[in-house]
Amino acid sequence: MKKSVMFVLFPCVLALFAACSGAPAAQNAAAPAAQPAPAPAIQRDKVTIDYRGASLGGQIPEWVLWASEGDPDNLLAGLSRVQGKKTILVQNSGQDLDLLQTWVNLQALSDASSMIKTTVSTEAGSALEGNKNTAGNKSAVEQFITAFSETEISGLGRELDFWVKERSVSTNEENYTYYVVFGITEENLNFLIETALGKVQAETEEEQEILDDIKDRMSQLRFRAQGN
């Protein structure tokens, strides 16, 4: 704002000086081009008011900031702590921190296991795109999904967890959010997938091809964040 005021006054001072010295004032001086209004800043509705370790001078870990955005760039998978593992991020929110801690201890693992099964099933179903959606292929994919849904997800371990308390600017409501990261080694997940694939009997070469396609898709699998 200060810069704009100086820009407007400067030609006025010149004109006044010219008038006082008898020099004719410039006619039809071009008006300064209007400056576009700056884009409004995006206001985040929530502000952080507490978090685990705040009273001891701790800081919010960077991975929590990724988790709060759903980890869209899959940055969690790059953490040294989970290197060589598939990461599964689950979260839950509420006003009672003790209840959330109970969820972490008793339910979060089950939620992470369900997330793995849901993601694997969805990715397997996507193998039926286009002209691959034949009766035989559909049957093979459904058999795999059923077999994997009945698989116990073993080897899934909690790697990281953290809670943050926030206040809504618009409603003044306060809530805790608990973020939990689980990890499973790629070898272990591949074993579970291959075991389920082994329970499917491919009766044609085409059906075997779609099972091979599922296996290839699983090697690129990513688990997106899930919240309650």
Protein backbone atom coordinates (compact mmCIF):
# COMPACT_ATOMS: atom_id res chain seq x y z
CA MET A 1 0.00 0.00 0.00
CA LYS A 2 2.81 2.39 0.82
CA LYS A 3 4.42 1.69 -2.55
CA SER A 4 1.19 2.54 -4.40
CA VAL A 5 0.81 5.88 -2.58
CA MET A 6 4.33 6.95 -3.47
CA PHE A 7 3.69 5.97 -7.11
CA VAL A 8 0.59 8.21 -7.31
CA LEU A 9 2.06 11.24 -5.53
CA PHE A 10 5.28 11.41 -7.49
CA PRO A 11 3.80 12.71 -10.80
CA CYS A 12 1.65 15.14 -8.82
CA VAL A 13 4.75 16.66 -7.24
CA LEU A 14 6.32 17.05 -10.69
CA ALA A 15 3.21 18.80 -12.02
CA LEU A 16 3.13 21.19 -9.06
CA PHE A 17 6.82 22.00 -9.54
CA ALA A 18 6.25 22.69 -13.25
CA ALA A 19 3.31 25.00 -12.51
CA CYS A 20 5.28 27.01 -9.98
CA SER A 21 8.20 27.49 -12.42
CA GLY A 22 5.94 28.64 -15.23
CA ALA A 23 6.43 25.53 -17.32
CA PRO A 24 3.25 24.16 -18.93
CA ALA A 25 1.92 21.04 -17.30
CA ALA A 26 1.93 17.91 -19.43
CA GLN A 27 -1.45 17.34 -21.04
CA ASN A 28 -3.27 14.06 -21.23
CA ALA A 29 -0.68 12.27 -19.14
CA ALA A 30 -1.29 8.57 -19.27
CA ALA A 31 -2.87 7.31 -16.09
CA PRO A 32 -0.90 4.58 -14.33
CA ALA A 33 -2.13 1.11 -15.22
CA ALA A 34 -4.44 -0.37 -12.62
CA GLN A 35 -2.77 -3.12 -10.68
CA PRO A 36 -4.71 -6.39 -10.37
CA ALA A 37 -5.99 -7.10 -6.90
CA PRO A 38 -3.95 -9.76 -5.15
CA ALA A 39 -5.56 -13.18 -4.92
CA PRO A 40 -7.14 -13.72 -1.50
CA ALA A 41 -5.07 -15.88 0.78
CA ILE A 42 -6.46 -19.31 1.49
CA GLN A 43 -7.44 -19.39 5.13
CA ARG A 44 -7.18 -22.71 6.93
CA ASP A 45 -10.19 -23.21 9.16
CA LYS A 46 -8.23 -25.02 11.87
CA VAL A 47 -5.43 -23.86 14.13
CA THR A 48 -3.24 -26.17 16.19
CA ILE A 49 -3.53 -25.56 19.93
CA ASP A 50 -1.81 -28.65 21.36
CA TYR A 51 0.00 -31.82 20.34
CA ARG A 52 1.87 -34.70 21.90
CA GLY A 53 5.08 -33.50 23.53
CA ALA A 54 4.22 -29.79 23.27
CA SER A 55 4.56 -29.27 27.03
CA LEU A 56 8.10 -30.64 26.84
CA GLY A 57 9.12 -28.33 24.02
CA GLY A 58 8.75 -30.91 21.27
CA GLN A 59 7.85 -30.15 17.67
CA ILE A 60 5.26 -31.65 15.33
CA PRO A 61 7.11 -34.20 13.14
CA GLU A 62 7.15 -33.49 9.42
CA TRP A 63 5.46 -36.80 8.66
CA VAL A 64 2.39 -35.59 10.60
CA LEU A 65 2.09 -32.63 8.24
CA TRP A 66 2.13 -35.07 5.31
CA ALA A 67 -0.42 -37.26 7.07
CA SER A 68 -2.74 -34.29 7.69
CA GLU A 69 -2.94 -33.84 3.92
CA GLY A 70 -3.52 -37.54 3.29
CA ASP A 71 0.10 -38.01 2.17
CA PRO A 72 -0.77 -37.28 -1.50
CA ASP A 73 2.86 -37.55 -2.64
CA ASN A 74 3.50 -40.83 -0.82
CA LEU A 75 6.24 -39.19 1.25
CA LEU A 76 5.67 -41.52 4.20
CA ALA A 77 7.03 -44.42 2.16
CA GLY A 78 10.36 -42.58 1.94
CA LEU A 79 10.95 -42.47 5.69
CA SER A 80 13.96 -44.51 6.75
CA ARG A 81 11.92 -46.15 9.50
CA VAL A 82 9.64 -47.83 6.97
CA GLN A 83 12.13 -48.38 4.17
CA GLY A 84 11.29 -51.51 2.19
CA LYS A 85 7.74 -51.53 3.53
CA LYS A 86 4.32 -50.61 2.26
CA THR A 87 2.86 -47.90 4.51
CA ILE A 88 -0.74 -47.74 5.62
CA LEU A 89 -1.95 -44.49 7.18
CA VAL A 90 -5.12 -44.48 9.26
CA GLN A 91 -6.52 -41.68 11.38
CA ASN A 92 -9.36 -40.92 13.72
CA SER A 93 -10.77 -37.74 15.27
CA GLY A 94 -12.78 -36.92 18.37
CA GLN A 95 -13.02 -34.79 21.48
CA ASP A 96 -11.88 -37.48 23.94
CA LEU A 97 -8.15 -38.22 23.77
CA ASP A 98 -8.46 -41.30 26.00
CA LEU A 99 -11.01 -42.86 23.64
CA LEU A 100 -8.73 -42.16 20.70
CA GLN A 101 -5.85 -43.82 22.52
CA THR A 102 -8.06 -46.86 23.06
CA TRP A 103 -8.79 -46.88 19.32
CA VAL A 104 -5.05 -46.82 18.60
CA ASN A 105 -4.41 -49.77 20.90
CA LEU A 106 -7.42 -51.93 20.02
CA GLN A 107 -8.88 -50.98 16.64
CA ALA A 108 -6.36 -49.15 14.44
CA LEU A 109 -4.60 -52.38 13.41
CA SER A 110 -7.89 -53.87 12.26
CA ASP A 111 -8.68 -50.70 10.32
CA ALA A 112 -5.30 -50.88 8.59
CA SER A 113 -5.87 -54.54 7.68
CA SER A 114 -9.28 -53.68 6.23
CA MET A 115 -7.71 -50.88 4.25
CA ILE A 116 -5.22 -53.31 2.69
CA LYS A 117 -8.01 -55.70 1.69
CA THR A 118 -10.16 -52.92 0.26
CA THR A 119 -7.29 -51.43 -1.74
CA VAL A 120 -6.18 -54.80 -3.10
CA SER A 121 -9.75 -55.69 -4.09
CA THR A 122 -10.28 -52.35 -5.82
CA GLU A 123 -7.03 -52.64 -7.75
CA ALA A 124 -7.81 -56.23 -8.76
CA GLY A 125 -11.21 -55.14 -10.03
CA SER A 126 -9.61 -52.45 -12.18
CA ALA A 127 -7.88 -55.23 -14.17
CA LEU A 128 -11.25 -55.89 -15.83
CA GLU A 129 -11.20 -52.62 -17.76
CA GLY A 130 -12.12 -52.60 -21.43
CA ASN A 131 -12.36 -55.83 -23.39
CA LYS A 132 -10.89 -57.83 -20.50
CA ASN A 133 -14.27 -57.83 -18.77
CA THR A 134 -15.28 -61.31 -19.93
CA ALA A 135 -17.20 -63.89 -17.95
CA GLY A 136 -14.12 -66.05 -17.36
CA ASN A 137 -11.93 -63.13 -16.35
CA LYS A 138 -14.60 -61.75 -14.05
CA SER A 139 -14.91 -65.11 -12.35
CA ALA A 140 -11.12 -65.34 -11.88
CA VAL A 141 -10.92 -61.84 -10.39
CA GLU A 142 -13.86 -62.49 -8.07
CA GLN A 143 -12.24 -65.71 -6.87
CA PHE A 144 -9.03 -63.82 -6.07
CA ILE A 145 -10.89 -61.06 -4.24
CA THR A 146 -12.78 -63.62 -2.17
CA ALA A 147 -9.58 -65.52 -1.36
CA PHE A 148 -7.72 -62.37 -0.33
CA SER A 149 -10.63 -61.08 1.75
CA GLU A 150 -10.37 -64.28 3.81
CA THR A 151 -6.61 -63.87 4.27
CA GLU A 152 -5.25 -62.86 7.65
CA ILE A 153 -2.97 -59.85 7.17
CA SER A 154 0.00 -60.99 9.22
CA GLY A 155 3.20 -59.04 9.70
CA LEU A 156 1.51 -55.64 9.93
CA GLY A 157 3.16 -53.49 12.56
CA ARG A 158 2.62 -50.03 14.01
CA GLU A 159 5.51 -47.77 13.01
CA LEU A 160 4.50 -44.23 13.99
CA ASP A 161 1.67 -42.48 15.81
CA PHE A 162 0.98 -38.92 16.90
CA TRP A 163 -1.95 -36.78 18.00
CA VAL A 164 -2.75 -33.13 17.35
CA LYS A 165 -5.44 -30.96 18.93
CA GLU A 166 -7.00 -28.28 16.73
CA ARG A 167 -9.64 -25.58 17.05
CA SER A 168 -12.00 -24.63 14.23
CA VAL A 169 -11.85 -20.91 13.49
CA SER A 170 -15.42 -20.86 12.19
CA THR A 171 -17.11 -22.92 14.92
CA ASN A 172 -14.59 -22.70 17.78
CA GLU A 173 -14.96 -26.48 18.19
CA GLU A 174 -11.92 -28.36 19.47
CA ASN A 175 -10.97 -31.85 18.30
CA TYR A 176 -8.09 -34.27 18.56
CA THR A 177 -6.82 -36.14 15.50
CA TYR A 178 -4.72 -39.27 15.93
CA TYR A 179 -2.50 -40.37 13.03
CA VAL A 180 -1.14 -43.92 12.94
CA VAL A 181 1.23 -45.36 10.36
CA PHE A 182 1.49 -49.13 9.91
CA GLY A 183 4.03 -50.95 7.80
CA ILE A 184 4.23 -54.34 6.12
CA THR A 185 7.25 -55.60 4.21
CA GLU A 186 6.82 -55.88 0.46
CA GLU A 187 7.95 -59.51 0.63
CA ASN A 188 5.29 -60.34 3.18
CA LEU A 189 2.51 -58.57 1.26
CA ASN A 190 3.60 -60.23 -1.99
CA PHE A 191 3.48 -63.62 -0.26
CA LEU A 192 -0.09 -62.99 0.94
CA ILE A 193 -1.15 -61.91 -2.55
CA GLU A 194 0.53 -64.85 -4.28
CA THR A 195 -1.07 -67.24 -1.79
CA ALA A 196 -4.51 -65.86 -2.68
CA LEU A 197 -3.69 -66.02 -6.40
CA GLY A 198 -2.66 -69.66 -5.96
CA LYS A 199 -6.20 -70.49 -4.84
CA VAL A 200 -7.62 -69.41 -8.20
CA GLN A 201 -7.80 -71.99 -10.96
CA ALA A 202 -7.28 -70.36 -14.36
CA GLU A 203 -9.06 -72.48 -16.97
CA THR A 204 -7.92 -70.54 -20.02
CA GLU A 205 -4.82 -68.70 -21.13
CA GLU A 206 -6.79 -65.44 -20.98
CA GLU A 207 -7.72 -66.02 -17.35
CA GLN A 208 -4.09 -66.72 -16.48
CA GLU A 209 -3.13 -63.46 -18.17
CA ILE A 210 -5.48 -61.46 -16.01
CA LEU A 211 -4.16 -63.13 -12.86
CA ASP A 212 -0.64 -62.19 -13.99
CA ASP A 213 -1.92 -58.64 -14.55
CA ILE A 214 -3.24 -58.55 -10.99
CA LYS A 215 0.15 -59.66 -9.69
CA ASP A 216 1.88 -56.87 -11.64
CA ARG A 217 -0.58 -54.28 -10.34
CA MET A 218 0.02 -55.36 -6.76
CA SER A 219 3.75 -54.61 -7.07
CA GLN A 220 2.88 -50.94 -7.71
CA LEU A 221 0.25 -50.76 -5.01
CA ARG A 222 -0.12 -47.67 -2.80
CA PHE A 223 -2.34 -47.34 0.21
CA ARG A 224 -3.97 -43.93 0.48
CA ALA A 225 -4.90 -42.40 3.79
CA GLN A 226 -8.13 -43.39 5.46
CA GLY A 227 -9.84 -41.46 8.22
CA ASN A 228 -12.73 -42.14 10.58
